[in-house]
Amino acid sequence: HRSDGSDAGRDARPEVIIAHHDTVVQPNDHVIVFVPGKRMVRKVEKLFQVSATFLF
């Protein structure tokens, strides 16, 4: 559970992992994020954006 009220779990078959501060999303993982309201959606989307330096 994050301080902003959102919560995330990582589906890494065959197990489900509840995310913590040190959880790393791996290639082919499926992430489900629950947010307390629509105004939090933009903040969560930013968490998953690729940075401009990702390819370098």
PDB file of N, CA and C in Angstrom:
ATOM      1  N   HIS A   1       0.844  -1.178   0.000  1.00  0.00           N
ATOM      2  CA  HIS A   1       0.000   0.000   0.000  1.00  0.00           C
ATOM      3  C   HIS A   1       0.885   1.235   0.000  1.00  0.00           C
ATOM      4  N   ARG A   2       0.706   2.105  -1.001  1.00  0.00           N
ATOM      5  CA  ARG A   2       1.529   3.305  -1.122  1.00  0.00           C
ATOM      6  C   ARG A   2       0.933   4.434  -0.297  1.00  0.00           C
ATOM      7  N   SER A   3       1.749   5.435   0.013  1.00  0.00           N
ATOM      8  CA  SER A   3       1.284   6.570   0.802  1.00  0.00           C
ATOM      9  C   SER A   3       0.190   7.363   0.099  1.00  0.00           C
ATOM     10  N   ASP A   4       0.099   7.285  -1.241  1.00  0.00           N
ATOM     11  CA  ASP A   4      -0.941   8.025  -1.967  1.00  0.00           C
ATOM     12  C   ASP A   4      -2.264   7.265  -2.017  1.00  0.00           C
ATOM     13  N   GLY A   5      -2.325   6.090  -1.401  1.00  0.00           N
ATOM     14  CA  GLY A   5      -3.560   5.326  -1.341  1.00  0.00           C
ATOM     15  C   GLY A   5      -3.688   4.255  -2.398  1.00  0.00           C
ATOM     16  N   SER A   6      -2.782   4.236  -3.379  1.00  0.00           N
ATOM     17  CA  SER A   6      -2.859   3.203  -4.414  1.00  0.00           C
ATOM     18  C   SER A   6      -2.218   1.924  -3.911  1.00  0.00           C
ATOM     19  N   ASP A   7      -2.517   0.847  -4.585  1.00  0.00           N
ATOM     20  CA  ASP A   7      -1.951  -0.439  -4.217  1.00  0.00           C
ATOM     21  C   ASP A   7      -1.658  -1.198  -5.501  1.00  0.00           C
ATOM     22  N   ALA A   8      -0.639  -2.023  -5.495  1.00  0.00           N
ATOM     23  CA  ALA A   8      -0.269  -2.739  -6.711  1.00  0.00           C
ATOM     24  C   ALA A   8       0.100  -4.171  -6.379  1.00  0.00           C
ATOM     25  N   GLY A   9      -0.147  -5.028  -7.342  1.00  0.00           N
ATOM     26  CA  GLY A   9       0.277  -6.419  -7.252  1.00  0.00           C
ATOM     27  C   GLY A   9       0.907  -6.792  -8.573  1.00  0.00           C
ATOM     28  N   ARG A  10       1.845  -7.708  -8.558  1.00  0.00           N
ATOM     29  CA  ARG A  10       2.519  -8.126  -9.785  1.00  0.00           C
ATOM     30  C   ARG A  10       2.180  -9.580 -10.045  1.00  0.00           C
ATOM     31  N   ASP A  11       1.662  -9.874 -11.214  1.00  0.00           N
ATOM     32  CA  ASP A  11       1.309 -11.240 -11.587  1.00  0.00           C
ATOM     33  C   ASP A  11       2.486 -11.846 -12.340  1.00  0.00           C
ATOM     34  N   ALA A  12       3.258 -12.645 -11.647  1.00  0.00           N
ATOM     35  CA  ALA A  12       4.426 -13.297 -12.255  1.00  0.00           C
ATOM     36  C   ALA A  12       4.169 -14.797 -12.172  1.00  0.00           C
ATOM     37  N   ARG A  13       3.438 -15.294 -13.125  1.00  0.00           N
ATOM     38  CA  ARG A  13       3.009 -16.684 -13.078  1.00  0.00           C
ATOM     39  C   ARG A  13       4.140 -17.614 -12.694  1.00  0.00           C
ATOM     40  N   PRO A  14       3.923 -18.591 -11.882  1.00  0.00           N
ATOM     41  CA  PRO A  14       2.651 -19.044 -11.328  1.00  0.00           C
ATOM     42  C   PRO A  14       2.296 -18.400  -9.992  1.00  0.00           C
ATOM     43  N   GLU A  15       2.959 -17.359  -9.586  1.00  0.00           N
ATOM     44  CA  GLU A  15       2.680 -16.753  -8.285  1.00  0.00           C
ATOM     45  C   GLU A  15       2.234 -15.304  -8.440  1.00  0.00           C
ATOM     46  N   VAL A  16       1.515 -14.819  -7.443  1.00  0.00           N
ATOM     47  CA  VAL A  16       1.124 -13.415  -7.398  1.00  0.00           C
ATOM     48  C   VAL A  16       1.960 -12.751  -6.318  1.00  0.00           C
ATOM     49  N   ILE A  17       2.576 -11.631  -6.637  1.00  0.00           N
ATOM     50  CA  ILE A  17       3.444 -10.923  -5.702  1.00  0.00           C
ATOM     51  C   ILE A  17       2.819  -9.573  -5.383  1.00  0.00           C
ATOM     52  N   ILE A  18       2.632  -9.277  -4.108  1.00  0.00           N
ATOM     53  CA  ILE A  18       2.153  -7.959  -3.696  1.00  0.00           C
ATOM     54  C   ILE A  18       3.363  -7.031  -3.674  1.00  0.00           C
ATOM     55  N   ALA A  19       3.249  -5.917  -4.374  1.00  0.00           N
ATOM     56  CA  ALA A  19       4.385  -5.003  -4.531  1.00  0.00           C
ATOM     57  C   ALA A  19       4.786  -4.350  -3.210  1.00  0.00           C
ATOM     58  N   HIS A  20       6.081  -4.164  -3.055  1.00  0.00           N
ATOM     59  CA  HIS A  20       6.677  -3.441  -1.931  1.00  0.00           C
ATOM     60  C   HIS A  20       7.593  -2.378  -2.511  1.00  0.00           C
ATOM     61  N   HIS A  21       8.214  -1.591  -1.641  1.00  0.00           N
ATOM     62  CA  HIS A  21       9.057  -0.481  -2.113  1.00  0.00           C
ATOM     63  C   HIS A  21      10.223  -0.946  -2.982  1.00  0.00           C
ATOM     64  N   ASP A  22      10.650  -2.184  -2.834  1.00  0.00           N
ATOM     65  CA  ASP A  22      11.805  -2.677  -3.585  1.00  0.00           C
ATOM     66  C   ASP A  22      11.427  -3.670  -4.698  1.00  0.00           C
ATOM     67  N   THR A  23      10.134  -3.788  -5.007  1.00  0.00           N
ATOM     68  CA  THR A  23       9.685  -4.699  -6.057  1.00  0.00           C
ATOM     69  C   THR A  23      10.078  -4.160  -7.425  1.00  0.00           C
ATOM     70  N   VAL A  24      10.639  -5.019  -8.266  1.00  0.00           N
ATOM     71  CA  VAL A  24      11.048  -4.641  -9.623  1.00  0.00           C
ATOM     72  C   VAL A  24      10.148  -5.372 -10.611  1.00  0.00           C
ATOM     73  N   VAL A  25       9.549  -4.610 -11.533  1.00  0.00           N
ATOM     74  CA  VAL A  25       8.719  -5.208 -12.575  1.00  0.00           C
ATOM     75  C   VAL A  25       9.645  -5.792 -13.629  1.00  0.00           C
ATOM     76  N   GLN A  26       9.455  -7.071 -13.918  1.00  0.00           N
ATOM     77  CA  GLN A  26      10.287  -7.784 -14.874  1.00  0.00           C
ATOM     78  C   GLN A  26       9.599  -7.832 -16.242  1.00  0.00           C
ATOM     79  N   PRO A  27      10.370  -8.059 -17.316  1.00  0.00           N
ATOM     80  CA  PRO A  27       9.752  -8.214 -18.642  1.00  0.00           C
ATOM     81  C   PRO A  27       8.677  -9.310 -18.605  1.00  0.00           C
ATOM     82  N   ASN A  28       7.590  -9.076 -19.302  1.00  0.00           N
ATOM     83  CA  ASN A  28       6.445  -9.990 -19.393  1.00  0.00           C
ATOM     84  C   ASN A  28       5.602 -10.073 -18.127  1.00  0.00           C
ATOM     85  N   ASP A  29       5.901  -9.274 -17.102  1.00  0.00           N
ATOM     86  CA  ASP A  29       5.042  -9.208 -15.924  1.00  0.00           C
ATOM     87  C   ASP A  29       3.754  -8.482 -16.291  1.00  0.00           C
ATOM     88  N   HIS A  30       2.701  -8.802 -15.605  1.00  0.00           N
ATOM     89  CA  HIS A  30       1.424  -8.101 -15.734  1.00  0.00           C
ATOM     90  C   HIS A  30       1.188  -7.398 -14.410  1.00  0.00           C
ATOM     91  N   VAL A  31       0.944  -6.100 -14.450  1.00  0.00           N
ATOM     92  CA  VAL A  31       0.764  -5.319 -13.228  1.00  0.00           C
ATOM     93  C   VAL A  31      -0.678  -4.837 -13.149  1.00  0.00           C
ATOM     94  N   ILE A  32      -1.282  -5.025 -11.994  1.00  0.00           N
ATOM     95  CA  ILE A  32      -2.628  -4.529 -11.726  1.00  0.00           C
ATOM     96  C   ILE A  32      -2.504  -3.497 -10.615  1.00  0.00           C
ATOM     97  N   VAL A  33      -3.017  -2.289 -10.869  1.00  0.00           N
ATOM     98  CA  VAL A  33      -2.925  -1.207  -9.891  1.00  0.00           C
ATOM     99  C   VAL A  33      -4.336  -0.769  -9.519  1.00  0.00           C
ATOM    100  N   PHE A  34      -4.616  -0.726  -8.230  1.00  0.00           N
ATOM    101  CA  PHE A  34      -5.888  -0.226  -7.728  1.00  0.00           C
ATOM    102  C   PHE A  34      -5.651   1.168  -7.176  1.00  0.00           C
ATOM    103  N   VAL A  35      -6.439   2.136  -7.622  1.00  0.00           N
ATOM    104  CA  VAL A  35      -6.296   3.516  -7.145  1.00  0.00           C
ATOM    105  C   VAL A  35      -7.583   3.937  -6.444  1.00  0.00           C
ATOM    106  N   PRO A  36      -7.468   4.813  -5.439  1.00  0.00           N
ATOM    107  CA  PRO A  36      -8.644   5.208  -4.659  1.00  0.00           C
ATOM    108  C   PRO A  36      -9.585   6.169  -5.386  1.00  0.00           C
ATOM    109  N   GLY A  37      -9.147   6.767  -6.484  1.00  0.00           N
ATOM    110  CA  GLY A  37     -10.002   7.701  -7.206  1.00  0.00           C
ATOM    111  C   GLY A  37      -9.408   8.070  -8.552  1.00  0.00           C
ATOM    112  N   LYS A  38     -10.241   8.641  -9.431  1.00  0.00           N
ATOM    113  CA  LYS A  38      -9.790   8.978 -10.778  1.00  0.00           C
ATOM    114  C   LYS A  38      -8.645   9.980 -10.795  1.00  0.00           C
ATOM    115  N   ARG A  39      -8.587  10.871  -9.827  1.00  0.00           N
ATOM    116  CA  ARG A  39      -7.531  11.889  -9.852  1.00  0.00           C
ATOM    117  C   ARG A  39      -6.133  11.301  -9.640  1.00  0.00           C
ATOM    118  N   MET A  40      -6.057  10.075  -9.156  1.00  0.00           N
ATOM    119  CA  MET A  40      -4.762   9.425  -8.941  1.00  0.00           C
ATOM    120  C   MET A  40      -4.256   8.719 -10.202  1.00  0.00           C
ATOM    121  N   VAL A  41      -5.106   8.532 -11.200  1.00  0.00           N
ATOM    122  CA  VAL A  41      -4.743   7.768 -12.392  1.00  0.00           C
ATOM    123  C   VAL A  41      -3.531   8.375 -13.085  1.00  0.00           C
ATOM    124  N   ARG A  42      -3.490   9.684 -13.260  1.00  0.00           N
ATOM    125  CA  ARG A  42      -2.366  10.341 -13.945  1.00  0.00           C
ATOM    126  C   ARG A  42      -1.047  10.083 -13.205  1.00  0.00           C
ATOM    127  N   LYS A  43      -1.058  10.124 -11.882  1.00  0.00           N
ATOM    128  CA  LYS A  43       0.162   9.871 -11.106  1.00  0.00           C
ATOM    129  C   LYS A  43       0.648   8.436 -11.309  1.00  0.00           C
ATOM    130  N   VAL A  44      -0.283   7.500 -11.344  1.00  0.00           N
ATOM    131  CA  VAL A  44       0.088   6.098 -11.552  1.00  0.00           C
ATOM    132  C   VAL A  44       0.623   5.899 -12.964  1.00  0.00           C
ATOM    133  N   GLU A  45       0.015   6.553 -13.951  1.00  0.00           N
ATOM    134  CA  GLU A  45       0.508   6.454 -15.327  1.00  0.00           C
ATOM    135  C   GLU A  45       1.946   6.949 -15.425  1.00  0.00           C
ATOM    136  N   LYS A  46       2.278   7.986 -14.691  1.00  0.00           N
ATOM    137  CA  LYS A  46       3.653   8.514 -14.706  1.00  0.00           C
ATOM    138  C   LYS A  46       4.652   7.498 -14.151  1.00  0.00           C
ATOM    139  N   LEU A  47       4.220   6.676 -13.210  1.00  0.00           N
ATOM    140  CA  LEU A  47       5.107   5.657 -12.649  1.00  0.00           C
ATOM    141  C   LEU A  47       5.578   4.665 -13.706  1.00  0.00           C
ATOM    142  N   PHE A  48       4.755   4.458 -14.738  1.00  0.00           N
ATOM    143  CA  PHE A  48       5.066   3.464 -15.755  1.00  0.00           C
ATOM    144  C   PHE A  48       5.593   4.057 -17.052  1.00  0.00           C
ATOM    145  N   GLN A  49       5.829   5.362 -17.082  1.00  0.00           N
ATOM    146  CA  GLN A  49       6.377   5.988 -18.283  1.00  0.00           C
ATOM    147  C   GLN A  49       7.858   5.668 -18.404  1.00  0.00           C
ATOM    148  N   VAL A  50       8.305   5.484 -19.621  1.00  0.00           N
ATOM    149  CA  VAL A  50       9.726   5.249 -19.882  1.00  0.00           C
ATOM    150  C   VAL A  50      10.420   6.600 -19.919  1.00  0.00           C
ATOM    151  N   SER A  51      11.540   6.719 -19.231  1.00  0.00           N
ATOM    152  CA  SER A  51      12.269   7.987 -19.218  1.00  0.00           C
ATOM    153  C   SER A  51      12.975   8.214 -20.550  1.00  0.00           C
ATOM    154  N   ALA A  52      13.310   9.468 -20.819  1.00  0.00           N
ATOM    155  CA  ALA A  52      13.980   9.830 -22.071  1.00  0.00           C
ATOM    156  C   ALA A  52      15.355   9.177 -22.183  1.00  0.00           C
ATOM    157  N   THR A  53      15.972   8.850 -21.069  1.00  0.00           N
ATOM    158  CA  THR A  53      17.312   8.247 -21.076  1.00  0.00           C
ATOM    159  C   THR A  53      17.271   6.721 -21.092  1.00  0.00           C
ATOM    160  N   PHE A  54      16.090   6.129 -21.171  1.00  0.00           N
ATOM    161  CA  PHE A  54      15.947   4.673 -21.122  1.00  0.00           C
ATOM    162  C   PHE A  54      16.735   3.968 -22.218  1.00  0.00           C
ATOM    163  N   LEU A  55      16.762   4.519 -23.415  1.00  0.00           N
ATOM    164  CA  LEU A  55      17.412   3.865 -24.549  1.00  0.00           C
ATOM    165  C   LEU A  55      18.912   4.116 -24.625  1.00  0.00           C
ATOM    166  N   PHE A  56      19.436   4.946 -23.759  1.00  0.00           N
ATOM    167  CA  PHE A  56      20.864   5.300 -23.839  1.00  0.00           C
ATOM    168  C   PHE A  56      21.696   4.621 -22.797  1.00  0.00           C
TER     169      PHE A  56
END
